[in-house]
Amino acid sequence: MTPQVKSIIAHITLIGWIIALIVNSSNKDEMTSFYLRQVLGLFLLGIVGGLIPAIRIIIGVIVFIFWIMSLVGAIQNKKEETPFIGRYFQDWFKGLA
């Protein structure tokens, strides 16, 4: 499986992320690891944002837009960090993948 395909699979639900993580663990590549960290950060941001009723919809829309931008980067086979917070995701989850 190519790094691009694994990166795209990581974007498709939590199950897809887990599958991409497992496949990447046996044959690591930097692009898939990059997108595993980005998508994990977006998933967690969506969960945490969903817990705050006053900003739930705003955070949900922002996370969805960032997710689309990340998916487009994976499709184009480019490492595109999530605006504003992507570099933190790479730092916080560097032990993963």
PDB file of N, CA and C in Angstrom:
ATOM      1  N   MET A   1       0.847  -1.168   0.000  1.00  0.00           N
ATOM      2  CA  MET A   1       0.000   0.000   0.000  1.00  0.00           C
ATOM      3  C   MET A   1       0.898   1.238   0.000  1.00  0.00           C
ATOM      4  N   THR A   2       0.586   2.199  -0.849  1.00  0.00           N
ATOM      5  CA  THR A   2       1.417   3.395  -0.959  1.00  0.00           C
ATOM      6  C   THR A   2       1.174   4.339   0.212  1.00  0.00           C
ATOM      7  N   PRO A   3       2.130   5.203   0.500  1.00  0.00           N
ATOM      8  CA  PRO A   3       1.939   6.187   1.573  1.00  0.00           C
ATOM      9  C   PRO A   3       0.719   7.080   1.337  1.00  0.00           C
ATOM     10  N   GLN A   4       0.467   7.417   0.096  1.00  0.00           N
ATOM     11  CA  GLN A   4      -0.683   8.263  -0.231  1.00  0.00           C
ATOM     12  C   GLN A   4      -1.994   7.554   0.129  1.00  0.00           C
ATOM     13  N   VAL A   5      -2.119   6.290  -0.205  1.00  0.00           N
ATOM     14  CA  VAL A   5      -3.334   5.533   0.100  1.00  0.00           C
ATOM     15  C   VAL A   5      -3.507   5.396   1.609  1.00  0.00           C
ATOM     16  N   LYS A   6      -2.429   5.095   2.318  1.00  0.00           N
ATOM     17  CA  LYS A   6      -2.514   4.983   3.775  1.00  0.00           C
ATOM     18  C   LYS A   6      -2.928   6.316   4.400  1.00  0.00           C
ATOM     19  N   SER A   7      -2.417   7.415   3.864  1.00  0.00           N
ATOM     20  CA  SER A   7      -2.759   8.742   4.387  1.00  0.00           C
ATOM     21  C   SER A   7      -4.233   9.063   4.154  1.00  0.00           C
ATOM     22  N   ILE A   8      -4.745   8.688   3.018  1.00  0.00           N
ATOM     23  CA  ILE A   8      -6.167   8.924   2.721  1.00  0.00           C
ATOM     24  C   ILE A   8      -7.036   8.055   3.619  1.00  0.00           C
ATOM     25  N   ILE A   9      -6.668   6.793   3.811  1.00  0.00           N
ATOM     26  CA  ILE A   9      -7.436   5.893   4.674  1.00  0.00           C
ATOM     27  C   ILE A   9      -7.485   6.438   6.104  1.00  0.00           C
ATOM     28  N   ALA A  10      -6.399   7.045   6.556  1.00  0.00           N
ATOM     29  CA  ALA A  10      -6.350   7.599   7.912  1.00  0.00           C
ATOM     30  C   ALA A  10      -7.416   8.673   8.125  1.00  0.00           C
ATOM     31  N   HIS A  11      -7.844   9.325   7.068  1.00  0.00           N
ATOM     32  CA  HIS A  11      -8.850  10.385   7.165  1.00  0.00           C
ATOM     33  C   HIS A  11     -10.275   9.847   7.260  1.00  0.00           C
ATOM     34  N   ILE A  12     -10.477   8.578   6.932  1.00  0.00           N
ATOM     35  CA  ILE A  12     -11.834   8.043   6.828  1.00  0.00           C
ATOM     36  C   ILE A  12     -12.199   7.323   8.125  1.00  0.00           C
ATOM     37  N   THR A  13     -12.848   7.991   9.008  1.00  0.00           N
ATOM     38  CA  THR A  13     -13.328   7.525  10.316  1.00  0.00           C
ATOM     39  C   THR A  13     -12.203   7.041  11.225  1.00  0.00           C
ATOM     40  N   LEU A  14     -12.542   6.795  12.438  1.00  0.00           N
ATOM     41  CA  LEU A  14     -11.571   6.312  13.415  1.00  0.00           C
ATOM     42  C   LEU A  14     -11.080   4.913  13.047  1.00  0.00           C
ATOM     43  N   ILE A  15     -11.958   4.104  12.492  1.00  0.00           N
ATOM     44  CA  ILE A  15     -11.556   2.757  12.054  1.00  0.00           C
ATOM     45  C   ILE A  15     -10.492   2.850  10.957  1.00  0.00           C
ATOM     46  N   GLY A  16     -10.678   3.745  10.003  1.00  0.00           N
ATOM     47  CA  GLY A  16      -9.684   3.942   8.950  1.00  0.00           C
ATOM     48  C   GLY A  16      -8.357   4.407   9.518  1.00  0.00           C
ATOM     49  N   TRP A  17      -8.426   5.273  10.525  1.00  0.00           N
ATOM     50  CA  TRP A  17      -7.206   5.758  11.168  1.00  0.00           C
ATOM     51  C   TRP A  17      -6.462   4.601  11.828  1.00  0.00           C
ATOM     52  N   ILE A  18      -7.203   3.738  12.519  1.00  0.00           N
ATOM     53  CA  ILE A  18      -6.588   2.582  13.185  1.00  0.00           C
ATOM     54  C   ILE A  18      -5.968   1.633  12.160  1.00  0.00           C
ATOM     55  N   ILE A  19      -6.674   1.396  11.065  1.00  0.00           N
ATOM     56  CA  ILE A  19      -6.135   0.534   9.999  1.00  0.00           C
ATOM     57  C   ILE A  19      -4.847   1.121   9.440  1.00  0.00           C
ATOM     58  N   ALA A  20      -4.850   2.430   9.161  1.00  0.00           N
ATOM     59  CA  ALA A  20      -3.647   3.080   8.627  1.00  0.00           C
ATOM     60  C   ALA A  20      -2.501   3.001   9.632  1.00  0.00           C
ATOM     61  N   LEU A  21      -2.808   3.143  10.919  1.00  0.00           N
ATOM     62  CA  LEU A  21      -1.777   3.043  11.961  1.00  0.00           C
ATOM     63  C   LEU A  21      -1.163   1.646  11.983  1.00  0.00           C
ATOM     64  N   ILE A  22      -1.997   0.634  11.908  1.00  0.00           N
ATOM     65  CA  ILE A  22      -1.505  -0.752  11.934  1.00  0.00           C
ATOM     66  C   ILE A  22      -0.668  -1.054  10.693  1.00  0.00           C
ATOM     67  N   VAL A  23      -1.170  -0.663   9.532  1.00  0.00           N
ATOM     68  CA  VAL A  23      -0.430  -0.909   8.287  1.00  0.00           C
ATOM     69  C   VAL A  23       0.889  -0.140   8.289  1.00  0.00           C
ATOM     70  N   ASN A  24       0.866   1.080   8.819  1.00  0.00           N
ATOM     71  CA  ASN A  24       2.080   1.892   8.840  1.00  0.00           C
ATOM     72  C   ASN A  24       3.094   1.380   9.854  1.00  0.00           C
ATOM     73  N   SER A  25       2.633   0.688  10.888  1.00  0.00           N
ATOM     74  CA  SER A  25       3.570   0.205  11.909  1.00  0.00           C
ATOM     75  C   SER A  25       4.510  -0.866  11.360  1.00  0.00           C
ATOM     76  N   SER A  26       4.059  -1.617  10.369  1.00  0.00           N
ATOM     77  CA  SER A  26       4.921  -2.657   9.802  1.00  0.00           C
ATOM     78  C   SER A  26       5.849  -2.119   8.715  1.00  0.00           C
ATOM     79  N   ASN A  27       5.458  -1.039   8.090  1.00  0.00           N
ATOM     80  CA  ASN A  27       6.267  -0.443   7.021  1.00  0.00           C
ATOM     81  C   ASN A  27       6.135   1.074   7.110  1.00  0.00           C
ATOM     82  N   LYS A  28       6.882   1.673   8.037  1.00  0.00           N
ATOM     83  CA  LYS A  28       6.717   3.102   8.318  1.00  0.00           C
ATOM     84  C   LYS A  28       7.208   3.970   7.168  1.00  0.00           C
ATOM     85  N   ASP A  29       6.437   5.021   6.913  1.00  0.00           N
ATOM     86  CA  ASP A  29       6.883   6.062   6.008  1.00  0.00           C
ATOM     87  C   ASP A  29       6.463   7.403   6.601  1.00  0.00           C
ATOM     88  N   GLU A  30       7.229   8.422   6.288  1.00  0.00           N
ATOM     89  CA  GLU A  30       7.050   9.727   6.922  1.00  0.00           C
ATOM     90  C   GLU A  30       5.730  10.391   6.562  1.00  0.00           C
ATOM     91  N   MET A  31       5.276  10.260   5.336  1.00  0.00           N
ATOM     92  CA  MET A  31       4.030  10.926   4.945  1.00  0.00           C
ATOM     93  C   MET A  31       2.833  10.363   5.714  1.00  0.00           C
ATOM     94  N   THR A  32       2.739   9.057   5.808  1.00  0.00           N
ATOM     95  CA  THR A  32       1.624   8.458   6.547  1.00  0.00           C
ATOM     96  C   THR A  32       1.708   8.824   8.016  1.00  0.00           C
ATOM     97  N   SER A  33       2.901   8.788   8.593  1.00  0.00           N
ATOM     98  CA  SER A  33       3.066   9.178   9.995  1.00  0.00           C
ATOM     99  C   SER A  33       2.633  10.624  10.197  1.00  0.00           C
ATOM    100  N   PHE A  34       2.999  11.494   9.266  1.00  0.00           N
ATOM    101  CA  PHE A  34       2.609  12.903   9.318  1.00  0.00           C
ATOM    102  C   PHE A  34       1.090  13.025   9.378  1.00  0.00           C
ATOM    103  N   TYR A  35       0.379  12.348   8.483  1.00  0.00           N
ATOM    104  CA  TYR A  35      -1.080  12.468   8.439  1.00  0.00           C
ATOM    105  C   TYR A  35      -1.766  11.725   9.581  1.00  0.00           C
ATOM    106  N   LEU A  36      -1.157  10.678  10.101  1.00  0.00           N
ATOM    107  CA  LEU A  36      -1.717  10.030  11.289  1.00  0.00           C
ATOM    108  C   LEU A  36      -1.734  11.012  12.460  1.00  0.00           C
ATOM    109  N   ARG A  37      -0.655  11.773  12.615  1.00  0.00           N
ATOM    110  CA  ARG A  37      -0.598  12.768  13.692  1.00  0.00           C
ATOM    111  C   ARG A  37      -1.591  13.900  13.456  1.00  0.00           C
ATOM    112  N   GLN A  38      -1.700  14.375  12.216  1.00  0.00           N
ATOM    113  CA  GLN A  38      -2.629  15.461  11.904  1.00  0.00           C
ATOM    114  C   GLN A  38      -4.079  15.049  12.168  1.00  0.00           C
ATOM    115  N   VAL A  39      -4.438  13.876  11.687  1.00  0.00           N
ATOM    116  CA  VAL A  39      -5.830  13.430  11.826  1.00  0.00           C
ATOM    117  C   VAL A  39      -6.165  13.121  13.287  1.00  0.00           C
ATOM    118  N   LEU A  40      -5.229  12.544  14.023  1.00  0.00           N
ATOM    119  CA  LEU A  40      -5.474  12.305  15.445  1.00  0.00           C
ATOM    120  C   LEU A  40      -5.746  13.627  16.162  1.00  0.00           C
ATOM    121  N   GLY A  41      -4.955  14.627  15.856  1.00  0.00           N
ATOM    122  CA  GLY A  41      -5.172  15.943  16.457  1.00  0.00           C
ATOM    123  C   GLY A  41      -6.541  16.509  16.108  1.00  0.00           C
ATOM    124  N   LEU A  42      -6.969  16.340  14.867  1.00  0.00           N
ATOM    125  CA  LEU A  42      -8.288  16.834  14.461  1.00  0.00           C
ATOM    126  C   LEU A  42      -9.402  16.061  15.155  1.00  0.00           C
ATOM    127  N   PHE A  43      -9.253  14.746  15.272  1.00  0.00           N
ATOM    128  CA  PHE A  43     -10.251  13.946  15.992  1.00  0.00           C
ATOM    129  C   PHE A  43     -10.383  14.432  17.434  1.00  0.00           C
ATOM    130  N   LEU A  44      -9.248  14.600  18.103  1.00  0.00           N
ATOM    131  CA  LEU A  44      -9.272  15.034  19.497  1.00  0.00           C
ATOM    132  C   LEU A  44      -9.815  16.449  19.649  1.00  0.00           C
ATOM    133  N   LEU A  45      -9.454  17.324  18.735  1.00  0.00           N
ATOM    134  CA  LEU A  45      -9.990  18.692  18.758  1.00  0.00           C
ATOM    135  C   LEU A  45     -11.507  18.675  18.605  1.00  0.00           C
ATOM    136  N   GLY A  46     -12.008  17.830  17.732  1.00  0.00           N
ATOM    137  CA  GLY A  46     -13.451  17.709  17.549  1.00  0.00           C
ATOM    138  C   GLY A  46     -14.148  17.191  18.786  1.00  0.00           C
ATOM    139  N   ILE A  47     -13.533  16.230  19.456  1.00  0.00           N
ATOM    140  CA  ILE A  47     -14.132  15.677  20.679  1.00  0.00           C
ATOM    141  C   ILE A  47     -14.143  16.722  21.788  1.00  0.00           C
ATOM    142  N   VAL A  48     -13.008  17.360  22.011  1.00  0.00           N
ATOM    143  CA  VAL A  48     -12.920  18.372  23.072  1.00  0.00           C
ATOM    144  C   VAL A  48     -13.835  19.550  22.763  1.00  0.00           C
ATOM    145  N   GLY A  49     -13.844  20.002  21.518  1.00  0.00           N
ATOM    146  CA  GLY A  49     -14.722  21.104  21.134  1.00  0.00           C
ATOM    147  C   GLY A  49     -16.188  20.752  21.271  1.00  0.00           C
ATOM    148  N   GLY A  50     -16.521  19.491  21.068  1.00  0.00           N
ATOM    149  CA  GLY A  50     -17.901  19.045  21.185  1.00  0.00           C
ATOM    150  C   GLY A  50     -18.399  19.019  22.618  1.00  0.00           C
ATOM    151  N   LEU A  51     -17.483  19.055  23.567  1.00  0.00           N
ATOM    152  CA  LEU A  51     -17.866  19.041  24.981  1.00  0.00           C
ATOM    153  C   LEU A  51     -18.256  20.423  25.502  1.00  0.00           C
ATOM    154  N   ILE A  52     -17.943  21.455  24.745  1.00  0.00           N
ATOM    155  CA  ILE A  52     -18.230  22.829  25.176  1.00  0.00           C
ATOM    156  C   ILE A  52     -19.441  23.332  24.393  1.00  0.00           C
ATOM    157  N   PRO A  53     -20.616  23.337  25.019  1.00  0.00           N
ATOM    158  CA  PRO A  53     -21.858  23.656  24.289  1.00  0.00           C
ATOM    159  C   PRO A  53     -21.859  25.013  23.588  1.00  0.00           C
ATOM    160  N   ALA A  54     -21.255  26.010  24.188  1.00  0.00           N
ATOM    161  CA  ALA A  54     -21.319  27.358  23.619  1.00  0.00           C
ATOM    162  C   ALA A  54     -20.601  27.473  22.274  1.00  0.00           C
ATOM    163  N   ILE A  55     -19.588  26.639  22.059  1.00  0.00           N
ATOM    164  CA  ILE A  55     -18.817  26.754  20.813  1.00  0.00           C
ATOM    165  C   ILE A  55     -18.818  25.472  19.994  1.00  0.00           C
ATOM    166  N   ARG A  56     -19.692  24.546  20.329  1.00  0.00           N
ATOM    167  CA  ARG A  56     -19.727  23.228  19.679  1.00  0.00           C
ATOM    168  C   ARG A  56     -19.853  23.334  18.155  1.00  0.00           C
ATOM    169  N   ILE A  57     -20.776  24.133  17.676  1.00  0.00           N
ATOM    170  CA  ILE A  57     -21.003  24.234  16.224  1.00  0.00           C
ATOM    171  C   ILE A  57     -19.818  24.903  15.535  1.00  0.00           C
ATOM    172  N   ILE A  58     -19.292  25.950  16.129  1.00  0.00           N
ATOM    173  CA  ILE A  58     -18.164  26.667  15.526  1.00  0.00           C
ATOM    174  C   ILE A  58     -16.947  25.749  15.429  1.00  0.00           C
ATOM    175  N   ILE A  59     -16.626  25.057  16.511  1.00  0.00           N
ATOM    176  CA  ILE A  59     -15.488  24.133  16.505  1.00  0.00           C
ATOM    177  C   ILE A  59     -15.727  23.010  15.501  1.00  0.00           C
ATOM    178  N   GLY A  60     -16.954  22.510  15.452  1.00  0.00           N
ATOM    179  CA  GLY A  60     -17.282  21.446  14.503  1.00  0.00           C
ATOM    180  C   GLY A  60     -17.046  21.863  13.063  1.00  0.00           C
ATOM    181  N   VAL A  61     -17.460  23.066  12.716  1.00  0.00           N
ATOM    182  CA  VAL A  61     -17.263  23.576  11.352  1.00  0.00           C
ATOM    183  C   VAL A  61     -15.772  23.769  11.065  1.00  0.00           C
ATOM    184  N   ILE A  62     -15.055  24.335  12.023  1.00  0.00           N
ATOM    185  CA  ILE A  62     -13.616  24.560  11.842  1.00  0.00           C
ATOM    186  C   ILE A  62     -12.881  23.227  11.665  1.00  0.00           C
ATOM    187  N   VAL A  63     -13.200  22.257  12.512  1.00  0.00           N
ATOM    188  CA  VAL A  63     -12.550  20.943  12.404  1.00  0.00           C
ATOM    189  C   VAL A  63     -12.884  20.306  11.059  1.00  0.00           C
ATOM    190  N   PHE A  64     -14.118  20.423  10.609  1.00  0.00           N
ATOM    191  CA  PHE A  64     -14.496  19.850   9.315  1.00  0.00           C
ATOM    192  C   PHE A  64     -13.716  20.505   8.170  1.00  0.00           C
ATOM    193  N   ILE A  65     -13.581  21.811   8.211  1.00  0.00           N
ATOM    194  CA  ILE A  65     -12.820  22.519   7.165  1.00  0.00           C
ATOM    195  C   ILE A  65     -11.357  22.092   7.190  1.00  0.00           C
ATOM    196  N   PHE A  66     -10.773  22.004   8.389  1.00  0.00           N
ATOM    197  CA  PHE A  66      -9.383  21.566   8.511  1.00  0.00           C
ATOM    198  C   PHE A  66      -9.216  20.125   8.040  1.00  0.00           C
ATOM    199  N   TRP A  67     -10.217  19.277   8.322  1.00  0.00           N
ATOM    200  CA  TRP A  67     -10.167  17.885   7.889  1.00  0.00           C
ATOM    201  C   TRP A  67     -10.170  17.810   6.357  1.00  0.00           C
ATOM    202  N   ILE A  68     -11.030  18.601   5.728  1.00  0.00           N
ATOM    203  CA  ILE A  68     -11.080  18.639   4.252  1.00  0.00           C
ATOM    204  C   ILE A  68      -9.730  19.093   3.695  1.00  0.00           C
ATOM    205  N   MET A  69      -9.163  20.133   4.290  1.00  0.00           N
ATOM    206  CA  MET A  69      -7.869  20.642   3.826  1.00  0.00           C
ATOM    207  C   MET A  69      -6.786  19.570   3.971  1.00  0.00           C
ATOM    208  N   SER A  70      -6.820  18.835   5.068  1.00  0.00           N
ATOM    209  CA  SER A  70      -5.850  17.769   5.293  1.00  0.00           C
ATOM    210  C   SER A  70      -6.041  16.633   4.293  1.00  0.00           C
ATOM    211  N   LEU A  71      -7.280  16.269   4.048  1.00  0.00           N
ATOM    212  CA  LEU A  71      -7.576  15.212   3.076  1.00  0.00           C
ATOM    213  C   LEU A  71      -7.101  15.604   1.683  1.00  0.00           C
ATOM    214  N   VAL A  72      -7.316  16.841   1.295  1.00  0.00           N
ATOM    215  CA  VAL A  72      -6.853  17.315  -0.018  1.00  0.00           C
ATOM    216  C   VAL A  72      -5.332  17.236  -0.096  1.00  0.00           C
ATOM    217  N   GLY A  73      -4.640  17.601   0.985  1.00  0.00           N
ATOM    218  CA  GLY A  73      -3.176  17.473   1.013  1.00  0.00           C
ATOM    219  C   GLY A  73      -2.734  16.034   0.835  1.00  0.00           C
ATOM    220  N   ALA A  74      -3.443  15.114   1.489  1.00  0.00           N
ATOM    221  CA  ALA A  74      -3.102  13.684   1.358  1.00  0.00           C
ATOM    222  C   ALA A  74      -3.358  13.201  -0.065  1.00  0.00           C
ATOM    223  N   ILE A  75      -4.455  13.627  -0.651  1.00  0.00           N
ATOM    224  CA  ILE A  75      -4.772  13.230  -2.027  1.00  0.00           C
ATOM    225  C   ILE A  75      -3.722  13.754  -2.996  1.00  0.00           C
ATOM    226  N   GLN A  76      -3.259  14.981  -2.757  1.00  0.00           N
ATOM    227  CA  GLN A  76      -2.251  15.590  -3.626  1.00  0.00           C
ATOM    228  C   GLN A  76      -0.838  15.086  -3.320  1.00  0.00           C
ATOM    229  N   ASN A  77      -0.726  14.212  -2.314  1.00  0.00           N
ATOM    230  CA  ASN A  77       0.559  13.630  -1.939  1.00  0.00           C
ATOM    231  C   ASN A  77       1.550  14.685  -1.444  1.00  0.00           C
ATOM    232  N   LYS A  78       1.031  15.681  -0.682  1.00  0.00           N
ATOM    233  CA  LYS A  78       1.848  16.745  -0.104  1.00  0.00           C
ATOM    234  C   LYS A  78       1.625  16.776   1.397  1.00  0.00           C
ATOM    235  N   LYS A  79       2.651  17.097   2.129  1.00  0.00           N
ATOM    236  CA  LYS A  79       2.501  17.270   3.578  1.00  0.00           C
ATOM    237  C   LYS A  79       1.994  18.689   3.830  1.00  0.00           C
ATOM    238  N   GLU A  80       0.728  18.804   4.155  1.00  0.00           N
ATOM    239  CA  GLU A  80       0.108  20.094   4.440  1.00  0.00           C
ATOM    240  C   GLU A  80      -0.324  20.113   5.897  1.00  0.00           C
ATOM    241  N   GLU A  81       0.325  20.956   6.713  1.00  0.00           N
ATOM    242  CA  GLU A  81      -0.065  21.049   8.114  1.00  0.00           C
ATOM    243  C   GLU A  81      -1.414  21.748   8.244  1.00  0.00           C
ATOM    244  N   THR A  82      -2.144  21.353   9.263  1.00  0.00           N
ATOM    245  CA  THR A  82      -3.396  22.017   9.598  1.00  0.00           C
ATOM    246  C   THR A  82      -3.055  23.447  10.011  1.00  0.00           C
ATOM    247  N   PRO A  83      -3.768  24.449   9.462  1.00  0.00           N
ATOM    248  CA  PRO A  83      -3.452  25.842   9.815  1.00  0.00           C
ATOM    249  C   PRO A  83      -3.504  26.070  11.326  1.00  0.00           C
ATOM    250  N   PHE A  84      -2.576  26.863  11.808  1.00  0.00           N
ATOM    251  CA  PHE A  84      -2.479  27.315  13.195  1.00  0.00           C
ATOM    252  C   PHE A  84      -2.058  26.225  14.181  1.00  0.00           C
ATOM    253  N   ILE A  85      -2.549  25.002  14.056  1.00  0.00           N
ATOM    254  CA  ILE A  85      -2.322  23.994  15.092  1.00  0.00           C
ATOM    255  C   ILE A  85      -1.598  22.744  14.605  1.00  0.00           C
ATOM    256  N   GLY A  86      -1.377  22.624  13.321  1.00  0.00           N
ATOM    257  CA  GLY A  86      -0.755  21.417  12.765  1.00  0.00           C
ATOM    258  C   GLY A  86       0.634  21.159  13.300  1.00  0.00           C
ATOM    259  N   ARG A  87       1.405  22.216  13.497  1.00  0.00           N
ATOM    260  CA  ARG A  87       2.766  22.021  14.018  1.00  0.00           C
ATOM    261  C   ARG A  87       2.737  21.476  15.442  1.00  0.00           C
ATOM    262  N   TYR A  88       1.707  21.855  16.212  1.00  0.00           N
ATOM    263  CA  TYR A  88       1.563  21.321  17.566  1.00  0.00           C
ATOM    264  C   TYR A  88       1.198  19.838  17.533  1.00  0.00           C
ATOM    265  N   PHE A  89       0.333  19.458  16.593  1.00  0.00           N
ATOM    266  CA  PHE A  89      -0.021  18.043  16.449  1.00  0.00           C
ATOM    267  C   PHE A  89       1.225  17.219  16.160  1.00  0.00           C
ATOM    268  N   GLN A  90       2.094  17.738  15.296  1.00  0.00           N
ATOM    269  CA  GLN A  90       3.319  17.013  14.951  1.00  0.00           C
ATOM    270  C   GLN A  90       4.225  16.871  16.168  1.00  0.00           C
ATOM    271  N   ASP A  91       4.262  17.896  16.996  1.00  0.00           N
ATOM    272  CA  ASP A  91       5.097  17.857  18.193  1.00  0.00           C
ATOM    273  C   ASP A  91       4.494  16.981  19.286  1.00  0.00           C
ATOM    274  N   TRP A  92       3.209  17.163  19.570  1.00  0.00           N
ATOM    275  CA  TRP A  92       2.548  16.437  20.647  1.00  0.00           C
ATOM    276  C   TRP A  92       2.508  14.930  20.398  1.00  0.00           C
ATOM    277  N   PHE A  93       2.319  14.529  19.141  1.00  0.00           N
ATOM    278  CA  PHE A  93       2.137  13.114  18.818  1.00  0.00           C
ATOM    279  C   PHE A  93       3.342  12.519  18.100  1.00  0.00           C
ATOM    280  N   LYS A  94       4.532  13.117  18.304  1.00  0.00           N
ATOM    281  CA  LYS A  94       5.711  12.636  17.577  1.00  0.00           C
ATOM    282  C   LYS A  94       6.100  11.207  17.957  1.00  0.00           C
ATOM    283  N   GLY A  95       5.721  10.744  19.128  1.00  0.00           N
ATOM    284  CA  GLY A  95       6.010   9.369  19.524  1.00  0.00           C
ATOM    285  C   GLY A  95       5.115   8.360  18.820  1.00  0.00           C
ATOM    286  N   LEU A  96       4.051   8.851  18.219  1.00  0.00           N
ATOM    287  CA  LEU A  96       3.102   7.995  17.511  1.00  0.00           C
ATOM    288  C   LEU A  96       3.530   7.898  16.052  1.00  0.00           C
ATOM    289  N   ALA A  97       3.574   6.710  15.551  1.00  0.00           N
ATOM    290  CA  ALA A  97       3.892   6.479  14.135  1.00  0.00           C
ATOM    291  C   ALA A  97       5.264   7.014  13.826  1.00  0.00           C
TER     292      ALA A  97
END
